[in-house]
Amino acid sequence: MKKYRNRMDIAATILDIAQGSSGVLKTRIMYNAFLSFPQLKEYIALLTENQLLEHTPQNRNLYRTTEKGKRFLNNYREMQRMLYSAKEKAVRDAEA
């Protein structure tokens, strides 16, 4: 069964891709996150509006994850870890 990504998963993927100190181009985000260009524009607008991603227009129109975005990403990963560890525990308990 194919698992679809939700908006939170996609946002976290974009922030993870853009974590480098120098930033990344839109095309790099689009290809690495497996998004179409219209989808990418929507997510970039959402993330920049919420100050999770910043646009650095000097030179090559780069995007970079902000400190707020890094905190979001850390919290997201912690939630994922807690949810998956709880799910694994439930599976182990069911097998016992």
N, C-alpha and C. Protein backbone atom coordinates (compact mmCIF):
# COMPACT_ATOMS: atom_id res chain seq x y z
N MET A 1 0.84 -1.18 0.00
CA MET A 1 0.00 0.00 0.00
C MET A 1 0.89 1.25 0.00
N LYS A 2 0.56 2.19 -0.86
CA LYS A 2 1.35 3.41 -0.98
C LYS A 2 0.96 4.40 0.11
N LYS A 3 1.97 4.95 0.78
CA LYS A 3 1.72 5.93 1.84
C LYS A 3 1.86 7.33 1.26
N TYR A 4 0.81 8.11 1.39
CA TYR A 4 0.84 9.48 0.91
C TYR A 4 1.39 10.40 1.98
N ARG A 5 2.11 11.42 1.57
CA ARG A 5 2.66 12.39 2.52
C ARG A 5 1.61 13.45 2.83
N ASN A 6 1.56 13.86 4.07
CA ASN A 6 0.66 14.96 4.42
C ASN A 6 1.44 16.27 4.32
N ARG A 7 0.74 17.37 4.52
CA ARG A 7 1.36 18.70 4.38
C ARG A 7 2.52 18.89 5.35
N MET A 8 2.39 18.37 6.53
CA MET A 8 3.44 18.50 7.54
C MET A 8 4.70 17.75 7.10
N ASP A 9 4.52 16.56 6.55
CA ASP A 9 5.66 15.78 6.06
C ASP A 9 6.39 16.52 4.94
N ILE A 10 5.63 17.08 4.02
CA ILE A 10 6.22 17.80 2.89
C ILE A 10 6.94 19.05 3.37
N ALA A 11 6.32 19.79 4.29
CA ALA A 11 6.96 20.99 4.84
C ALA A 11 8.28 20.62 5.52
N ALA A 12 8.27 19.55 6.30
CA ALA A 12 9.49 19.12 6.98
C ALA A 12 10.56 18.70 5.98
N THR A 13 10.16 18.05 4.91
CA THR A 13 11.12 17.64 3.87
C THR A 13 11.78 18.87 3.25
N ILE A 14 10.98 19.88 2.94
CA ILE A 14 11.52 21.11 2.34
C ILE A 14 12.49 21.78 3.30
N LEU A 15 12.11 21.89 4.56
CA LEU A 15 12.99 22.53 5.55
C LEU A 15 14.28 21.74 5.72
N ASP A 16 14.19 20.44 5.67
CA ASP A 16 15.38 19.60 5.79
C ASP A 16 16.32 19.82 4.60
N ILE A 17 15.77 19.90 3.41
CA ILE A 17 16.56 20.12 2.21
C ILE A 17 17.26 21.48 2.25
N ALA A 18 16.57 22.50 2.79
CA ALA A 18 17.09 23.87 2.77
C ALA A 18 17.93 24.22 4.00
N GLN A 19 18.36 23.25 4.78
CA GLN A 19 19.10 23.53 6.01
C GLN A 19 20.52 24.03 5.82
N GLY A 20 21.10 23.88 4.67
CA GLY A 20 22.49 24.29 4.47
C GLY A 20 22.70 25.77 4.75
N SER A 21 23.88 26.12 5.19
CA SER A 21 24.16 27.51 5.56
C SER A 21 24.10 28.46 4.37
N SER A 22 24.40 27.97 3.17
CA SER A 22 24.38 28.85 2.01
C SER A 22 23.02 28.87 1.31
N GLY A 23 22.14 27.93 1.63
CA GLY A 23 20.82 27.88 1.02
C GLY A 23 20.81 27.03 -0.23
N VAL A 24 19.61 26.82 -0.80
CA VAL A 24 19.44 26.00 -1.99
C VAL A 24 18.50 26.68 -2.97
N LEU A 25 18.62 26.31 -4.23
CA LEU A 25 17.74 26.83 -5.27
C LEU A 25 16.39 26.12 -5.23
N LYS A 26 15.37 26.80 -5.80
CA LYS A 26 14.03 26.20 -5.86
C LYS A 26 14.05 24.85 -6.57
N THR A 27 14.81 24.78 -7.65
CA THR A 27 14.83 23.52 -8.41
C THR A 27 15.38 22.37 -7.58
N ARG A 28 16.37 22.63 -6.75
CA ARG A 28 16.93 21.58 -5.88
C ARG A 28 15.85 21.09 -4.92
N ILE A 29 15.10 22.04 -4.33
CA ILE A 29 14.01 21.66 -3.41
C ILE A 29 12.96 20.85 -4.16
N MET A 30 12.58 21.34 -5.34
CA MET A 30 11.53 20.69 -6.13
C MET A 30 11.90 19.24 -6.45
N TYR A 31 13.12 19.02 -6.93
CA TYR A 31 13.53 17.66 -7.30
C TYR A 31 13.72 16.76 -6.08
N ASN A 32 14.35 17.27 -5.05
CA ASN A 32 14.61 16.43 -3.87
C ASN A 32 13.35 16.11 -3.08
N ALA A 33 12.35 17.02 -3.12
CA ALA A 33 11.10 16.80 -2.39
C ALA A 33 10.03 16.14 -3.27
N PHE A 34 10.35 15.88 -4.54
CA PHE A 34 9.41 15.27 -5.48
C PHE A 34 8.11 16.06 -5.58
N LEU A 35 8.25 17.37 -5.85
CA LEU A 35 7.09 18.25 -5.98
C LEU A 35 7.04 18.83 -7.39
N SER A 36 5.83 19.16 -7.83
CA SER A 36 5.69 19.91 -9.08
C SER A 36 5.98 21.38 -8.77
N PHE A 37 6.20 22.17 -9.81
CA PHE A 37 6.51 23.58 -9.57
C PHE A 37 5.35 24.32 -8.90
N PRO A 38 4.08 24.10 -9.32
CA PRO A 38 2.97 24.76 -8.60
C PRO A 38 2.90 24.37 -7.12
N GLN A 39 3.14 23.09 -6.83
CA GLN A 39 3.15 22.66 -5.43
C GLN A 39 4.27 23.34 -4.67
N LEU A 40 5.44 23.40 -5.28
CA LEU A 40 6.59 24.04 -4.64
C LEU A 40 6.30 25.50 -4.31
N LYS A 41 5.71 26.23 -5.26
CA LYS A 41 5.39 27.64 -5.02
C LYS A 41 4.45 27.80 -3.83
N GLU A 42 3.47 26.91 -3.73
CA GLU A 42 2.52 26.95 -2.62
C GLU A 42 3.23 26.73 -1.28
N TYR A 43 4.09 25.73 -1.22
CA TYR A 43 4.79 25.43 0.03
C TYR A 43 5.81 26.50 0.39
N ILE A 44 6.51 27.03 -0.59
CA ILE A 44 7.47 28.10 -0.30
C ILE A 44 6.74 29.32 0.24
N ALA A 45 5.60 29.65 -0.34
CA ALA A 45 4.81 30.78 0.17
C ALA A 45 4.38 30.53 1.61
N LEU A 46 3.89 29.34 1.90
CA LEU A 46 3.44 28.99 3.25
C LEU A 46 4.59 29.07 4.25
N LEU A 47 5.73 28.49 3.90
CA LEU A 47 6.86 28.43 4.82
C LEU A 47 7.52 29.80 5.02
N THR A 48 7.60 30.61 3.98
CA THR A 48 8.19 31.94 4.14
C THR A 48 7.24 32.86 4.90
N GLU A 49 5.94 32.73 4.64
CA GLU A 49 4.95 33.53 5.36
C GLU A 49 5.00 33.26 6.86
N ASN A 50 5.28 32.03 7.23
CA ASN A 50 5.37 31.64 8.64
C ASN A 50 6.78 31.72 9.19
N GLN A 51 7.68 32.31 8.42
CA GLN A 51 9.07 32.56 8.82
C GLN A 51 9.84 31.29 9.18
N LEU A 52 9.51 30.21 8.48
CA LEU A 52 10.24 28.95 8.67
C LEU A 52 11.32 28.80 7.60
N LEU A 53 11.14 29.51 6.50
CA LEU A 53 12.06 29.48 5.37
C LEU A 53 12.31 30.92 4.95
N GLU A 54 13.55 31.24 4.60
CA GLU A 54 13.85 32.61 4.16
C GLU A 54 14.43 32.60 2.76
N HIS A 55 14.10 33.65 2.04
CA HIS A 55 14.58 33.85 0.68
C HIS A 55 15.78 34.78 0.73
N THR A 56 16.88 34.38 0.13
CA THR A 56 18.07 35.23 0.08
C THR A 56 18.29 35.64 -1.38
N PRO A 57 17.80 36.81 -1.76
CA PRO A 57 17.81 37.21 -3.18
C PRO A 57 19.19 37.53 -3.76
N GLN A 58 20.20 37.75 -2.91
CA GLN A 58 21.51 38.05 -3.47
C GLN A 58 22.01 36.86 -4.28
N ASN A 59 22.64 37.15 -5.37
CA ASN A 59 23.20 36.17 -6.31
C ASN A 59 22.14 35.31 -7.00
N ARG A 60 21.70 34.21 -6.40
CA ARG A 60 20.96 33.20 -7.16
C ARG A 60 19.59 32.83 -6.60
N ASN A 61 18.93 33.70 -5.88
CA ASN A 61 17.61 33.38 -5.33
C ASN A 61 17.59 32.08 -4.54
N LEU A 62 18.34 32.06 -3.48
CA LEU A 62 18.45 30.87 -2.64
C LEU A 62 17.43 30.90 -1.51
N TYR A 63 17.08 29.72 -1.02
CA TYR A 63 16.19 29.57 0.12
C TYR A 63 16.94 28.82 1.21
N ARG A 64 16.68 29.25 2.45
CA ARG A 64 17.39 28.67 3.60
C ARG A 64 16.41 28.54 4.77
N THR A 65 16.55 27.47 5.52
CA THR A 65 15.73 27.25 6.72
C THR A 65 16.15 28.24 7.80
N THR A 66 15.18 28.90 8.42
CA THR A 66 15.46 29.86 9.49
C THR A 66 15.65 29.11 10.81
N GLU A 67 16.05 29.85 11.84
CA GLU A 67 16.16 29.24 13.17
C GLU A 67 14.81 28.71 13.64
N LYS A 68 13.75 29.47 13.35
CA LYS A 68 12.40 29.02 13.70
C LYS A 68 12.06 27.74 12.94
N GLY A 69 12.48 27.67 11.68
CA GLY A 69 12.27 26.47 10.88
C GLY A 69 13.03 25.28 11.43
N LYS A 70 14.24 25.52 11.92
CA LYS A 70 15.03 24.43 12.51
C LYS A 70 14.39 23.92 13.79
N ARG A 71 13.81 24.83 14.58
CA ARG A 71 13.10 24.39 15.79
C ARG A 71 11.87 23.56 15.41
N PHE A 72 11.14 24.01 14.38
CA PHE A 72 9.99 23.26 13.88
C PHE A 72 10.43 21.85 13.47
N LEU A 73 11.52 21.77 12.73
CA LEU A 73 12.02 20.50 12.24
C LEU A 73 12.43 19.57 13.39
N ASN A 74 13.08 20.11 14.40
CA ASN A 74 13.44 19.31 15.58
C ASN A 74 12.20 18.80 16.30
N ASN A 75 11.19 19.66 16.47
CA ASN A 75 9.95 19.24 17.12
C ASN A 75 9.22 18.19 16.29
N TYR A 76 9.21 18.37 14.98
CA TYR A 76 8.58 17.41 14.07
C TYR A 76 9.24 16.04 14.20
N ARG A 77 10.56 16.03 14.19
CA ARG A 77 11.29 14.76 14.31
C ARG A 77 11.04 14.09 15.66
N GLU A 78 10.97 14.88 16.71
CA GLU A 78 10.69 14.33 18.05
C GLU A 78 9.29 13.72 18.09
N MET A 79 8.31 14.40 17.49
CA MET A 79 6.95 13.85 17.43
C MET A 79 6.93 12.54 16.64
N GLN A 80 7.62 12.51 15.51
CA GLN A 80 7.69 11.30 14.71
C GLN A 80 8.30 10.16 15.52
N ARG A 81 9.39 10.46 16.22
CA ARG A 81 10.07 9.44 17.02
C ARG A 81 9.13 8.90 18.09
N MET A 82 8.41 9.78 18.79
CA MET A 82 7.50 9.35 19.84
C MET A 82 6.36 8.52 19.27
N LEU A 83 5.79 8.96 18.15
CA LEU A 83 4.67 8.23 17.56
C LEU A 83 5.09 6.86 17.07
N TYR A 84 6.23 6.78 16.41
CA TYR A 84 6.67 5.49 15.89
C TYR A 84 7.11 4.55 17.00
N SER A 85 7.70 5.07 18.06
CA SER A 85 8.09 4.19 19.16
C SER A 85 6.84 3.67 19.87
N ALA A 86 5.79 4.49 19.98
CA ALA A 86 4.54 4.04 20.59
C ALA A 86 3.88 2.98 19.70
N LYS A 87 3.94 3.18 18.39
CA LYS A 87 3.36 2.21 17.45
C LYS A 87 4.10 0.88 17.53
N GLU A 88 5.42 0.93 17.57
CA GLU A 88 6.22 -0.29 17.68
C GLU A 88 5.93 -1.02 18.98
N LYS A 89 5.75 -0.27 20.07
CA LYS A 89 5.43 -0.89 21.36
C LYS A 89 4.08 -1.59 21.29
N ALA A 90 3.11 -0.94 20.66
CA ALA A 90 1.78 -1.54 20.54
C ALA A 90 1.84 -2.83 19.72
N VAL A 91 2.65 -2.86 18.67
CA VAL A 91 2.80 -4.07 17.86
C VAL A 91 3.46 -5.18 18.68
N ARG A 92 4.50 -4.84 19.44
CA ARG A 92 5.17 -5.84 20.28
C ARG A 92 4.21 -6.39 21.33
N ASP A 93 3.42 -5.52 21.95
CA ASP A 93 2.46 -5.96 22.96
C ASP A 93 1.40 -6.87 22.36
N ALA A 94 0.98 -6.56 21.13
CA ALA A 94 -0.04 -7.38 20.47
C ALA A 94 0.51 -8.76 20.11
N GLU A 95 1.80 -8.82 19.80
CA GLU A 95 2.42 -10.10 19.45
C GLU A 95 2.69 -10.97 20.68
N ALA A 96 2.78 -10.36 21.85
CA ALA A 96 3.12 -11.10 23.07
C ALA A 96 1.95 -11.86 23.63
